[in-house]
Amino acid sequence: MAHLPPEAIGEVATYFQALSEPTRLHILNWLRQGERNVGELAQLCGFTAANISRHLAVLMQQGLVAREGRGTSVYYRIADESVYALCDLVCGNIARRLDRAVASRKAFGG
């Protein structure tokens, strides 16, 4: 971030806001396995199609997903694979932190 112009910091924050919603992370996780339509994502995530559509719109605005119409269906896929490297880095960090907390509790008899 050291070399970003100040006006770009807001864009970075907006990108991270798109990733701050658990439902969107679920969507990205399902799309990691391949493209899906709204109905499939809604069923997999346990939400309504309207709810999933709103989340997909946010992900599209940030360039994370792309859509393609086929007949009467619209399919979504990952547009920026680098989001997985970012998520894997963060998830790995959280997993290590949780492991340390568990080990610490065990060490103190908890």
PDB file of N, CA and C in Angstrom:
ATOM      1  N   MET A   1       0.817  -1.190   0.000  1.00  0.00           N
ATOM      2  CA  MET A   1       0.000   0.000   0.000  1.00  0.00           C
ATOM      3  C   MET A   1       0.864   1.258   0.000  1.00  0.00           C
ATOM      4  N   ALA A   2       2.135   1.099   0.289  1.00  0.00           N
ATOM      5  CA  ALA A   2       2.998   2.272   0.417  1.00  0.00           C
ATOM      6  C   ALA A   2       3.070   3.087  -0.863  1.00  0.00           C
ATOM      7  N   HIS A   3       2.888   2.441  -2.009  1.00  0.00           N
ATOM      8  CA  HIS A   3       3.044   3.147  -3.277  1.00  0.00           C
ATOM      9  C   HIS A   3       1.715   3.529  -3.919  1.00  0.00           C
ATOM     10  N   LEU A   4       0.622   3.316  -3.210  1.00  0.00           N
ATOM     11  CA  LEU A   4      -0.684   3.677  -3.755  1.00  0.00           C
ATOM     12  C   LEU A   4      -0.962   5.156  -3.538  1.00  0.00           C
ATOM     13  N   PRO A   5      -1.541   5.796  -4.539  1.00  0.00           N
ATOM     14  CA  PRO A   5      -1.955   7.183  -4.314  1.00  0.00           C
ATOM     15  C   PRO A   5      -3.106   7.203  -3.301  1.00  0.00           C
ATOM     16  N   PRO A   6      -3.244   8.275  -2.548  1.00  0.00           N
ATOM     17  CA  PRO A   6      -4.267   8.336  -1.502  1.00  0.00           C
ATOM     18  C   PRO A   6      -5.679   8.019  -1.993  1.00  0.00           C
ATOM     19  N   GLU A   7      -6.015   8.422  -3.202  1.00  0.00           N
ATOM     20  CA  GLU A   7      -7.366   8.161  -3.710  1.00  0.00           C
ATOM     21  C   GLU A   7      -7.602   6.669  -3.977  1.00  0.00           C
ATOM     22  N   ALA A   8      -6.549   5.899  -4.124  1.00  0.00           N
ATOM     23  CA  ALA A   8      -6.699   4.463  -4.358  1.00  0.00           C
ATOM     24  C   ALA A   8      -7.000   3.699  -3.066  1.00  0.00           C
ATOM     25  N   ILE A   9      -6.670   4.280  -1.931  1.00  0.00           N
ATOM     26  CA  ILE A   9      -6.916   3.609  -0.652  1.00  0.00           C
ATOM     27  C   ILE A   9      -8.409   3.341  -0.469  1.00  0.00           C
ATOM     28  N   GLY A  10      -9.242   4.254  -0.905  1.00  0.00           N
ATOM     29  CA  GLY A  10     -10.691   4.054  -0.826  1.00  0.00           C
ATOM     30  C   GLY A  10     -11.133   2.867  -1.669  1.00  0.00           C
ATOM     31  N   GLU A  11     -10.524   2.700  -2.825  1.00  0.00           N
ATOM     32  CA  GLU A  11     -10.839   1.553  -3.683  1.00  0.00           C
ATOM     33  C   GLU A  11     -10.432   0.241  -3.016  1.00  0.00           C
ATOM     34  N   VAL A  12      -9.300   0.248  -2.357  1.00  0.00           N
ATOM     35  CA  VAL A  12      -8.842  -0.946  -1.642  1.00  0.00           C
ATOM     36  C   VAL A  12      -9.832  -1.280  -0.530  1.00  0.00           C
ATOM     37  N   ALA A  13     -10.275  -0.274   0.201  1.00  0.00           N
ATOM     38  CA  ALA A  13     -11.236  -0.497   1.286  1.00  0.00           C
ATOM     39  C   ALA A  13     -12.548  -1.065   0.743  1.00  0.00           C
ATOM     40  N   THR A  14     -12.995  -0.571  -0.392  1.00  0.00           N
ATOM     41  CA  THR A  14     -14.232  -1.069  -0.994  1.00  0.00           C
ATOM     42  C   THR A  14     -14.076  -2.523  -1.419  1.00  0.00           C
ATOM     43  N   TYR A  15     -12.917  -2.878  -1.939  1.00  0.00           N
ATOM     44  CA  TYR A  15     -12.633  -4.261  -2.318  1.00  0.00           C
ATOM     45  C   TYR A  15     -12.743  -5.161  -1.097  1.00  0.00           C
ATOM     46  N   PHE A  16     -12.102  -4.750   0.004  1.00  0.00           N
ATOM     47  CA  PHE A  16     -12.142  -5.563   1.218  1.00  0.00           C
ATOM     48  C   PHE A  16     -13.548  -5.604   1.819  1.00  0.00           C
ATOM     49  N   GLN A  17     -14.320  -4.543   1.650  1.00  0.00           N
ATOM     50  CA  GLN A  17     -15.711  -4.572   2.116  1.00  0.00           C
ATOM     51  C   GLN A  17     -16.499  -5.649   1.386  1.00  0.00           C
ATOM     52  N   ALA A  18     -16.219  -5.824   0.111  1.00  0.00           N
ATOM     53  CA  ALA A  18     -16.904  -6.868  -0.659  1.00  0.00           C
ATOM     54  C   ALA A  18     -16.587  -8.248  -0.089  1.00  0.00           C
ATOM     55  N   LEU A  19     -15.414  -8.403   0.489  1.00  0.00           N
ATOM     56  CA  LEU A  19     -15.000  -9.686   1.059  1.00  0.00           C
ATOM     57  C   LEU A  19     -15.362  -9.815   2.536  1.00  0.00           C
ATOM     58  N   SER A  20     -15.940  -8.777   3.109  1.00  0.00           N
ATOM     59  CA  SER A  20     -16.213  -8.793   4.547  1.00  0.00           C
ATOM     60  C   SER A  20     -17.548  -9.440   4.901  1.00  0.00           C
ATOM     61  N   GLU A  21     -18.312  -9.833   3.924  1.00  0.00           N
ATOM     62  CA  GLU A  21     -19.634 -10.425   4.149  1.00  0.00           C
ATOM     63  C   GLU A  21     -19.533 -11.952   4.024  1.00  0.00           C
ATOM     64  N   PRO A  22     -19.895 -12.695   5.067  1.00  0.00           N
ATOM     65  CA  PRO A  22     -19.773 -14.154   5.023  1.00  0.00           C
ATOM     66  C   PRO A  22     -20.485 -14.810   3.843  1.00  0.00           C
ATOM     67  N   THR A  23     -21.643 -14.311   3.473  1.00  0.00           N
ATOM     68  CA  THR A  23     -22.365 -14.908   2.342  1.00  0.00           C
ATOM     69  C   THR A  23     -21.548 -14.811   1.069  1.00  0.00           C
ATOM     70  N   ARG A  24     -20.877 -13.695   0.871  1.00  0.00           N
ATOM     71  CA  ARG A  24     -20.049 -13.527  -0.333  1.00  0.00           C
ATOM     72  C   ARG A  24     -18.874 -14.485  -0.320  1.00  0.00           C
ATOM     73  N   LEU A  25     -18.325 -14.737   0.852  1.00  0.00           N
ATOM     74  CA  LEU A  25     -17.233 -15.712   0.947  1.00  0.00           C
ATOM     75  C   LEU A  25     -17.739 -17.117   0.629  1.00  0.00           C
ATOM     76  N   HIS A  26     -18.949 -17.424   1.070  1.00  0.00           N
ATOM     77  CA  HIS A  26     -19.543 -18.717   0.702  1.00  0.00           C
ATOM     78  C   HIS A  26     -19.709 -18.812  -0.812  1.00  0.00           C
ATOM     79  N   ILE A  27     -20.197 -17.751  -1.416  1.00  0.00           N
ATOM     80  CA  ILE A  27     -20.383 -17.741  -2.877  1.00  0.00           C
ATOM     81  C   ILE A  27     -19.050 -17.977  -3.573  1.00  0.00           C
ATOM     82  N   LEU A  28     -18.025 -17.255  -3.152  1.00  0.00           N
ATOM     83  CA  LEU A  28     -16.702 -17.417  -3.762  1.00  0.00           C
ATOM     84  C   LEU A  28     -16.193 -18.841  -3.584  1.00  0.00           C
ATOM     85  N   ASN A  29     -16.465 -19.426  -2.424  1.00  0.00           N
ATOM     86  CA  ASN A  29     -16.046 -20.802  -2.175  1.00  0.00           C
ATOM     87  C   ASN A  29     -16.734 -21.764  -3.139  1.00  0.00           C
ATOM     88  N   TRP A  30     -18.039 -21.589  -3.351  1.00  0.00           N
ATOM     89  CA  TRP A  30     -18.759 -22.465  -4.280  1.00  0.00           C
ATOM     90  C   TRP A  30     -18.290 -22.244  -5.710  1.00  0.00           C
ATOM     91  N   LEU A  31     -18.003 -20.998  -6.065  1.00  0.00           N
ATOM     92  CA  LEU A  31     -17.539 -20.723  -7.434  1.00  0.00           C
ATOM     93  C   LEU A  31     -16.123 -21.230  -7.667  1.00  0.00           C
ATOM     94  N   ARG A  32     -15.400 -21.469  -6.623  1.00  0.00           N
ATOM     95  CA  ARG A  32     -14.051 -22.039  -6.748  1.00  0.00           C
ATOM     96  C   ARG A  32     -14.130 -23.417  -7.391  1.00  0.00           C
ATOM     97  N   GLN A  33     -15.238 -24.106  -7.182  1.00  0.00           N
ATOM     98  CA  GLN A  33     -15.432 -25.445  -7.732  1.00  0.00           C
ATOM     99  C   GLN A  33     -15.972 -25.421  -9.159  1.00  0.00           C
ATOM    100  N   GLY A  34     -16.369 -24.258  -9.633  1.00  0.00           N
ATOM    101  CA  GLY A  34     -16.880 -24.156 -10.997  1.00  0.00           C
ATOM    102  C   GLY A  34     -18.034 -23.182 -11.076  1.00  0.00           C
ATOM    103  N   GLU A  35     -18.394 -22.834 -12.286  1.00  0.00           N
ATOM    104  CA  GLU A  35     -19.455 -21.849 -12.466  1.00  0.00           C
ATOM    105  C   GLU A  35     -20.802 -22.386 -11.996  1.00  0.00           C
ATOM    106  N   ARG A  36     -21.652 -21.453 -11.594  1.00  0.00           N
ATOM    107  CA  ARG A  36     -22.980 -21.803 -11.076  1.00  0.00           C
ATOM    108  C   ARG A  36     -23.964 -20.700 -11.453  1.00  0.00           C
ATOM    109  N   ASN A  37     -25.252 -21.058 -11.461  1.00  0.00           N
ATOM    110  CA  ASN A  37     -26.262 -20.018 -11.652  1.00  0.00           C
ATOM    111  C   ASN A  37     -26.796 -19.588 -10.289  1.00  0.00           C
ATOM    112  N   VAL A  38     -27.622 -18.549 -10.281  1.00  0.00           N
ATOM    113  CA  VAL A  38     -28.120 -17.987  -9.028  1.00  0.00           C
ATOM    114  C   VAL A  38     -28.901 -19.026  -8.228  1.00  0.00           C
ATOM    115  N   GLY A  39     -29.734 -19.784  -8.893  1.00  0.00           N
ATOM    116  CA  GLY A  39     -30.524 -20.798  -8.203  1.00  0.00           C
ATOM    117  C   GLY A  39     -29.662 -21.833  -7.509  1.00  0.00           C
ATOM    118  N   GLU A  40     -28.625 -22.283  -8.186  1.00  0.00           N
ATOM    119  CA  GLU A  40     -27.713 -23.259  -7.579  1.00  0.00           C
ATOM    120  C   GLU A  40     -27.015 -22.667  -6.366  1.00  0.00           C
ATOM    121  N   LEU A  41     -26.533 -21.425  -6.509  1.00  0.00           N
ATOM    122  CA  LEU A  41     -25.842 -20.772  -5.398  1.00  0.00           C
ATOM    123  C   LEU A  41     -26.788 -20.546  -4.225  1.00  0.00           C
ATOM    124  N   ALA A  42     -28.021 -20.164  -4.524  1.00  0.00           N
ATOM    125  CA  ALA A  42     -29.000 -19.945  -3.456  1.00  0.00           C
ATOM    126  C   ALA A  42     -29.237 -21.237  -2.683  1.00  0.00           C
ATOM    127  N   GLN A  43     -29.401 -22.327  -3.392  1.00  0.00           N
ATOM    128  CA  GLN A  43     -29.631 -23.613  -2.745  1.00  0.00           C
ATOM    129  C   GLN A  43     -28.413 -24.036  -1.923  1.00  0.00           C
ATOM    130  N   LEU A  44     -27.228 -23.876  -2.482  1.00  0.00           N
ATOM    131  CA  LEU A  44     -26.006 -24.279  -1.790  1.00  0.00           C
ATOM    132  C   LEU A  44     -25.740 -23.433  -0.542  1.00  0.00           C
ATOM    133  N   CYS A  45     -26.052 -22.135  -0.639  1.00  0.00           N
ATOM    134  CA  CYS A  45     -25.785 -21.219   0.473  1.00  0.00           C
ATOM    135  C   CYS A  45     -26.937 -21.147   1.471  1.00  0.00           C
ATOM    136  N   GLY A  46     -28.113 -21.622   1.064  1.00  0.00           N
ATOM    137  CA  GLY A  46     -29.262 -21.585   1.960  1.00  0.00           C
ATOM    138  C   GLY A  46     -29.928 -20.232   2.056  1.00  0.00           C
ATOM    139  N   PHE A  47     -29.862 -19.446   0.987  1.00  0.00           N
ATOM    140  CA  PHE A  47     -30.487 -18.130   0.957  1.00  0.00           C
ATOM    141  C   PHE A  47     -31.397 -18.031  -0.260  1.00  0.00           C
ATOM    142  N   THR A  48     -32.160 -16.956  -0.336  1.00  0.00           N
ATOM    143  CA  THR A  48     -33.029 -16.755  -1.491  1.00  0.00           C
ATOM    144  C   THR A  48     -32.211 -16.332  -2.699  1.00  0.00           C
ATOM    145  N   ALA A  49     -32.777 -16.557  -3.870  1.00  0.00           N
ATOM    146  CA  ALA A  49     -32.114 -16.150  -5.108  1.00  0.00           C
ATOM    147  C   ALA A  49     -31.922 -14.630  -5.136  1.00  0.00           C
ATOM    148  N   ALA A  50     -32.895 -13.879  -4.625  1.00  0.00           N
ATOM    149  CA  ALA A  50     -32.784 -12.413  -4.597  1.00  0.00           C
ATOM    150  C   ALA A  50     -31.603 -11.978  -3.734  1.00  0.00           C
ATOM    151  N   ASN A  51     -31.432 -12.623  -2.593  1.00  0.00           N
ATOM    152  CA  ASN A  51     -30.325 -12.307  -1.697  1.00  0.00           C
ATOM    153  C   ASN A  51     -28.994 -12.602  -2.384  1.00  0.00           C
ATOM    154  N   ILE A  52     -28.888 -13.761  -2.996  1.00  0.00           N
ATOM    155  CA  ILE A  52     -27.655 -14.147  -3.692  1.00  0.00           C
ATOM    156  C   ILE A  52     -27.368 -13.190  -4.841  1.00  0.00           C
ATOM    157  N   SER A  53     -28.398 -12.792  -5.565  1.00  0.00           N
ATOM    158  CA  SER A  53     -28.218 -11.852  -6.679  1.00  0.00           C
ATOM    159  C   SER A  53     -27.627 -10.537  -6.201  1.00  0.00           C
ATOM    160  N   ARG A  54     -28.086 -10.048  -5.065  1.00  0.00           N
ATOM    161  CA  ARG A  54     -27.534  -8.791  -4.513  1.00  0.00           C
ATOM    162  C   ARG A  54     -26.053  -8.956  -4.178  1.00  0.00           C
ATOM    163  N   HIS A  55     -25.706 -10.085  -3.583  1.00  0.00           N
ATOM    164  CA  HIS A  55     -24.302 -10.319  -3.241  1.00  0.00           C
ATOM    165  C   HIS A  55     -23.447 -10.468  -4.505  1.00  0.00           C
ATOM    166  N   LEU A  56     -23.981 -11.138  -5.503  1.00  0.00           N
ATOM    167  CA  LEU A  56     -23.245 -11.291  -6.761  1.00  0.00           C
ATOM    168  C   LEU A  56     -23.011  -9.944  -7.427  1.00  0.00           C
ATOM    169  N   ALA A  57     -23.969  -9.033  -7.311  1.00  0.00           N
ATOM    170  CA  ALA A  57     -23.799  -7.695  -7.892  1.00  0.00           C
ATOM    171  C   ALA A  57     -22.617  -6.977  -7.255  1.00  0.00           C
ATOM    172  N   VAL A  58     -22.474  -7.099  -5.943  1.00  0.00           N
ATOM    173  CA  VAL A  58     -21.336  -6.478  -5.253  1.00  0.00           C
ATOM    174  C   VAL A  58     -20.025  -7.109  -5.726  1.00  0.00           C
ATOM    175  N   LEU A  59     -20.002  -8.423  -5.821  1.00  0.00           N
ATOM    176  CA  LEU A  59     -18.794  -9.118  -6.272  1.00  0.00           C
ATOM    177  C   LEU A  59     -18.449  -8.752  -7.708  1.00  0.00           C
ATOM    178  N   MET A  60     -19.469  -8.551  -8.524  1.00  0.00           N
ATOM    179  CA  MET A  60     -19.223  -8.138  -9.916  1.00  0.00           C
ATOM    180  C   MET A  60     -18.663  -6.719  -9.975  1.00  0.00           C
ATOM    181  N   GLN A  61     -19.191  -5.819  -9.156  1.00  0.00           N
ATOM    182  CA  GLN A  61     -18.702  -4.433  -9.138  1.00  0.00           C
ATOM    183  C   GLN A  61     -17.220  -4.365  -8.812  1.00  0.00           C
ATOM    184  N   GLN A  62     -16.756  -5.297  -8.009  1.00  0.00           N
ATOM    185  CA  GLN A  62     -15.347  -5.324  -7.639  1.00  0.00           C
ATOM    186  C   GLN A  62     -14.504  -6.172  -8.588  1.00  0.00           C
ATOM    187  N   GLY A  63     -15.125  -6.712  -9.625  1.00  0.00           N
ATOM    188  CA  GLY A  63     -14.392  -7.485 -10.616  1.00  0.00           C
ATOM    189  C   GLY A  63     -14.007  -8.881 -10.151  1.00  0.00           C
ATOM    190  N   LEU A  64     -14.664  -9.370  -9.106  1.00  0.00           N
ATOM    191  CA  LEU A  64     -14.331 -10.686  -8.574  1.00  0.00           C
ATOM    192  C   LEU A  64     -15.041 -11.806  -9.314  1.00  0.00           C
ATOM    193  N   VAL A  65     -16.241 -11.547  -9.801  1.00  0.00           N
ATOM    194  CA  VAL A  65     -16.978 -12.540 -10.568  1.00  0.00           C
ATOM    195  C   VAL A  65     -17.421 -11.941 -11.898  1.00  0.00           C
ATOM    196  N   ALA A  66     -17.667 -12.818 -12.832  1.00  0.00           N
ATOM    197  CA  ALA A  66     -18.187 -12.436 -14.149  1.00  0.00           C
ATOM    198  C   ALA A  66     -19.428 -13.260 -14.408  1.00  0.00           C
ATOM    199  N   ARG A  67     -20.291 -12.755 -15.259  1.00  0.00           N
ATOM    200  CA  ARG A  67     -21.522 -13.468 -15.568  1.00  0.00           C
ATOM    201  C   ARG A  67     -21.623 -13.699 -17.063  1.00  0.00           C
ATOM    202  N   GLU A  68     -22.319 -14.769 -17.397  1.00  0.00           N
ATOM    203  CA  GLU A  68     -22.533 -15.114 -18.807  1.00  0.00           C
ATOM    204  C   GLU A  68     -23.942 -15.670 -18.953  1.00  0.00           C
ATOM    205  N   GLY A  69     -24.720 -15.065 -19.829  1.00  0.00           N
ATOM    206  CA  GLY A  69     -26.071 -15.544 -20.088  1.00  0.00           C
ATOM    207  C   GLY A  69     -26.048 -16.685 -21.084  1.00  0.00           C
ATOM    208  N   ARG A  70     -26.808 -17.720 -20.774  1.00  0.00           N
ATOM    209  CA  ARG A  70     -26.963 -18.868 -21.670  1.00  0.00           C
ATOM    210  C   ARG A  70     -28.442 -19.228 -21.697  1.00  0.00           C
ATOM    211  N   GLY A  71     -29.081 -18.895 -22.775  1.00  0.00           N
ATOM    212  CA  GLY A  71     -30.513 -19.142 -22.862  1.00  0.00           C
ATOM    213  C   GLY A  71     -31.232 -18.321 -21.819  1.00  0.00           C
ATOM    214  N   THR A  72     -31.981 -18.986 -20.951  1.00  0.00           N
ATOM    215  CA  THR A  72     -32.718 -18.261 -19.912  1.00  0.00           C
ATOM    216  C   THR A  72     -31.969 -18.220 -18.587  1.00  0.00           C
ATOM    217  N   SER A  73     -30.783 -18.788 -18.539  1.00  0.00           N
ATOM    218  CA  SER A  73     -29.998 -18.810 -17.295  1.00  0.00           C
ATOM    219  C   SER A  73     -28.775 -17.914 -17.407  1.00  0.00           C
ATOM    220  N   VAL A  74     -28.345 -17.425 -16.262  1.00  0.00           N
ATOM    221  CA  VAL A  74     -27.117 -16.639 -16.165  1.00  0.00           C
ATOM    222  C   VAL A  74     -26.181 -17.404 -15.246  1.00  0.00           C
ATOM    223  N   TYR A  75     -24.972 -17.625 -15.711  1.00  0.00           N
ATOM    224  CA  TYR A  75     -23.978 -18.357 -14.935  1.00  0.00           C
ATOM    225  C   TYR A  75     -22.887 -17.404 -14.471  1.00  0.00           C
ATOM    226  N   TYR A  76     -22.421 -17.644 -13.264  1.00  0.00           N
ATOM    227  CA  TYR A  76     -21.373 -16.823 -12.661  1.00  0.00           C
ATOM    228  C   TYR A  76     -20.123 -17.667 -12.495  1.00  0.00           C
ATOM    229  N   ARG A  77     -18.994 -17.000 -12.662  1.00  0.00           N
ATOM    230  CA  ARG A  77     -17.702 -17.660 -12.495  1.00  0.00           C
ATOM    231  C   ARG A  77     -16.739 -16.652 -11.888  1.00  0.00           C
ATOM    232  N   ILE A  78     -15.645 -17.139 -11.411  1.00  0.00           N
ATOM    233  CA  ILE A  78     -14.620 -16.272 -10.847  1.00  0.00           C
ATOM    234  C   ILE A  78     -13.943 -15.498 -11.981  1.00  0.00           C
ATOM    235  N   ALA A  79     -13.824 -14.201 -11.798  1.00  0.00           N
ATOM    236  CA  ALA A  79     -13.157 -13.363 -12.795  1.00  0.00           C
ATOM    237  C   ALA A  79     -11.729 -13.032 -12.365  1.00  0.00           C
ATOM    238  N   ASP A  80     -11.471 -13.084 -11.069  1.00  0.00           N
ATOM    239  CA  ASP A  80     -10.147 -12.747 -10.545  1.00  0.00           C
ATOM    240  C   ASP A  80      -9.700 -13.846  -9.588  1.00  0.00           C
ATOM    241  N   GLU A  81      -8.943 -14.791 -10.113  1.00  0.00           N
ATOM    242  CA  GLU A  81      -8.478 -15.940  -9.324  1.00  0.00           C
ATOM    243  C   GLU A  81      -7.575 -15.525  -8.158  1.00  0.00           C
ATOM    244  N   SER A  82      -6.996 -14.328  -8.220  1.00  0.00           N
ATOM    245  CA  SER A  82      -6.092 -13.904  -7.144  1.00  0.00           C
ATOM    246  C   SER A  82      -6.822 -13.759  -5.817  1.00  0.00           C
ATOM    247  N   VAL A  83      -8.144 -13.649  -5.837  1.00  0.00           N
ATOM    248  CA  VAL A  83      -8.897 -13.555  -4.585  1.00  0.00           C
ATOM    249  C   VAL A  83      -8.682 -14.804  -3.749  1.00  0.00           C
ATOM    250  N   TYR A  84      -8.457 -15.947  -4.379  1.00  0.00           N
ATOM    251  CA  TYR A  84      -8.233 -17.183  -3.630  1.00  0.00           C
ATOM    252  C   TYR A  84      -6.890 -17.175  -2.916  1.00  0.00           C
ATOM    253  N   ALA A  85      -5.881 -16.593  -3.530  1.00  0.00           N
ATOM    254  CA  ALA A  85      -4.580 -16.481  -2.858  1.00  0.00           C
ATOM    255  C   ALA A  85      -4.721 -15.600  -1.619  1.00  0.00           C
ATOM    256  N   LEU A  86      -5.465 -14.517  -1.748  1.00  0.00           N
ATOM    257  CA  LEU A  86      -5.692 -13.623  -0.620  1.00  0.00           C
ATOM    258  C   LEU A  86      -6.474 -14.343   0.481  1.00  0.00           C
ATOM    259  N   CYS A  87      -7.556 -15.009   0.113  1.00  0.00           N
ATOM    260  CA  CYS A  87      -8.377 -15.726   1.092  1.00  0.00           C
ATOM    261  C   CYS A  87      -7.591 -16.857   1.756  1.00  0.00           C
ATOM    262  N   ASP A  88      -6.810 -17.589   0.985  1.00  0.00           N
ATOM    263  CA  ASP A  88      -6.013 -18.672   1.552  1.00  0.00           C
ATOM    264  C   ASP A  88      -4.982 -18.130   2.546  1.00  0.00           C
ATOM    265  N   LEU A  89      -4.395 -16.987   2.236  1.00  0.00           N
ATOM    266  CA  LEU A  89      -3.430 -16.364   3.139  1.00  0.00           C
ATOM    267  C   LEU A  89      -4.108 -15.981   4.448  1.00  0.00           C
ATOM    268  N   VAL A  90      -5.251 -15.335   4.360  1.00  0.00           N
ATOM    269  CA  VAL A  90      -5.978 -14.910   5.562  1.00  0.00           C
ATOM    270  C   VAL A  90      -6.469 -16.131   6.345  1.00  0.00           C
ATOM    271  N   CYS A  91      -7.044 -17.108   5.652  1.00  0.00           N
ATOM    272  CA  CYS A  91      -7.554 -18.306   6.331  1.00  0.00           C
ATOM    273  C   CYS A  91      -6.426 -19.063   7.027  1.00  0.00           C
ATOM    274  N   GLY A  92      -5.283 -19.159   6.388  1.00  0.00           N
ATOM    275  CA  GLY A  92      -4.130 -19.814   7.007  1.00  0.00           C
ATOM    276  C   GLY A  92      -3.683 -19.090   8.259  1.00  0.00           C
ATOM    277  N   ASN A  93      -3.690 -17.773   8.212  1.00  0.00           N
ATOM    278  CA  ASN A  93      -3.306 -16.969   9.363  1.00  0.00           C
ATOM    279  C   ASN A  93      -4.286 -17.187  10.517  1.00  0.00           C
ATOM    280  N   ILE A  94      -5.568 -17.192  10.220  1.00  0.00           N
ATOM    281  CA  ILE A  94      -6.585 -17.402  11.254  1.00  0.00           C
ATOM    282  C   ILE A  94      -6.471 -18.812  11.837  1.00  0.00           C
ATOM    283  N   ALA A  95      -6.253 -19.806  10.987  1.00  0.00           N
ATOM    284  CA  ALA A  95      -6.105 -21.184  11.470  1.00  0.00           C
ATOM    285  C   ALA A  95      -4.918 -21.305  12.416  1.00  0.00           C
ATOM    286  N   ARG A  96      -3.806 -20.678  12.077  1.00  0.00           N
ATOM    287  CA  ARG A  96      -2.628 -20.719  12.957  1.00  0.00           C
ATOM    288  C   ARG A  96      -2.921 -20.027  14.285  1.00  0.00           C
ATOM    289  N   ARG A  97      -3.620 -18.907  14.243  1.00  0.00           N
ATOM    290  CA  ARG A  97      -3.974 -18.178  15.460  1.00  0.00           C
ATOM    291  C   ARG A  97      -4.884 -19.031  16.352  1.00  0.00           C
ATOM    292  N   LEU A  98      -5.864 -19.697  15.754  1.00  0.00           N
ATOM    293  CA  LEU A  98      -6.755 -20.566  16.522  1.00  0.00           C
ATOM    294  C   LEU A  98      -6.001 -21.748  17.114  1.00  0.00           C
ATOM    295  N   ASP A  99      -5.081 -22.323  16.340  1.00  0.00           N
ATOM    296  CA  ASP A  99      -4.266 -23.432  16.848  1.00  0.00           C
ATOM    297  C   ASP A  99      -3.442 -23.000  18.058  1.00  0.00           C
ATOM    298  N   ARG A 100      -2.867 -21.791  17.990  1.00  0.00           N
ATOM    299  CA  ARG A 100      -2.085 -21.286  19.127  1.00  0.00           C
ATOM    300  C   ARG A 100      -2.968 -21.080  20.359  1.00  0.00           C
ATOM    301  N   ALA A 101      -4.184 -20.578  20.141  1.00  0.00           N
ATOM    302  CA  ALA A 101      -5.109 -20.347  21.259  1.00  0.00           C
ATOM    303  C   ALA A 101      -5.498 -21.670  21.916  1.00  0.00           C
ATOM    304  N   VAL A 102      -5.753 -22.705  21.118  1.00  0.00           N
ATOM    305  CA  VAL A 102      -6.108 -24.027  21.653  1.00  0.00           C
ATOM    306  C   VAL A 102      -4.926 -24.591  22.435  1.00  0.00           C
ATOM    307  N   ALA A 103      -3.736 -24.498  21.865  1.00  0.00           N
ATOM    308  CA  ALA A 103      -2.536 -25.011  22.531  1.00  0.00           C
ATOM    309  C   ALA A 103      -2.294 -24.266  23.856  1.00  0.00           C
ATOM    310  N   SER A 104      -2.544 -22.979  23.857  1.00  0.00           N
ATOM    311  CA  SER A 104      -2.359 -22.183  25.067  1.00  0.00           C
ATOM    312  C   SER A 104      -3.343 -22.589  26.152  1.00  0.00           C
ATOM    313  N   ARG A 105      -4.605 -22.813  25.768  1.00  0.00           N
ATOM    314  CA  ARG A 105      -5.615 -23.253  26.743  1.00  0.00           C
ATOM    315  C   ARG A 105      -5.254 -24.638  27.309  1.00  0.00           C
ATOM    316  N   LYS A 106      -4.773 -25.529  26.467  1.00  0.00           N
ATOM    317  CA  LYS A 106      -4.383 -26.871  26.930  1.00  0.00           C
ATOM    318  C   LYS A 106      -3.212 -26.779  27.889  1.00  0.00           C
ATOM    319  N   ALA A 107      -2.269 -25.868  27.593  1.00  0.00           N
ATOM    320  CA  ALA A 107      -1.094 -25.727  28.431  1.00  0.00           C
ATOM    321  C   ALA A 107      -1.468 -25.234  29.824  1.00  0.00           C
ATOM    322  N   PHE A 108      -2.553 -24.493  29.933  1.00  0.00           N
ATOM    323  CA  PHE A 108      -3.000 -23.965  31.227  1.00  0.00           C
ATOM    324  C   PHE A 108      -4.153 -24.773  31.805  1.00  0.00           C
ATOM    325  N   GLY A 109      -4.329 -25.994  31.304  1.00  0.00           N
ATOM    326  CA  GLY A 109      -5.332 -26.884  31.868  1.00  0.00           C
ATOM    327  C   GLY A 109      -6.760 -26.612  31.436  1.00  0.00           C
ATOM    328  N   GLY A 110      -6.934 -25.865  30.348  1.00  0.00           N
ATOM    329  CA  GLY A 110      -8.288 -25.509  29.927  1.00  0.00           C
ATOM    330  C   GLY A 110      -8.904 -26.393  28.937  1.00  0.00           C
TER     331      GLY A 110
END
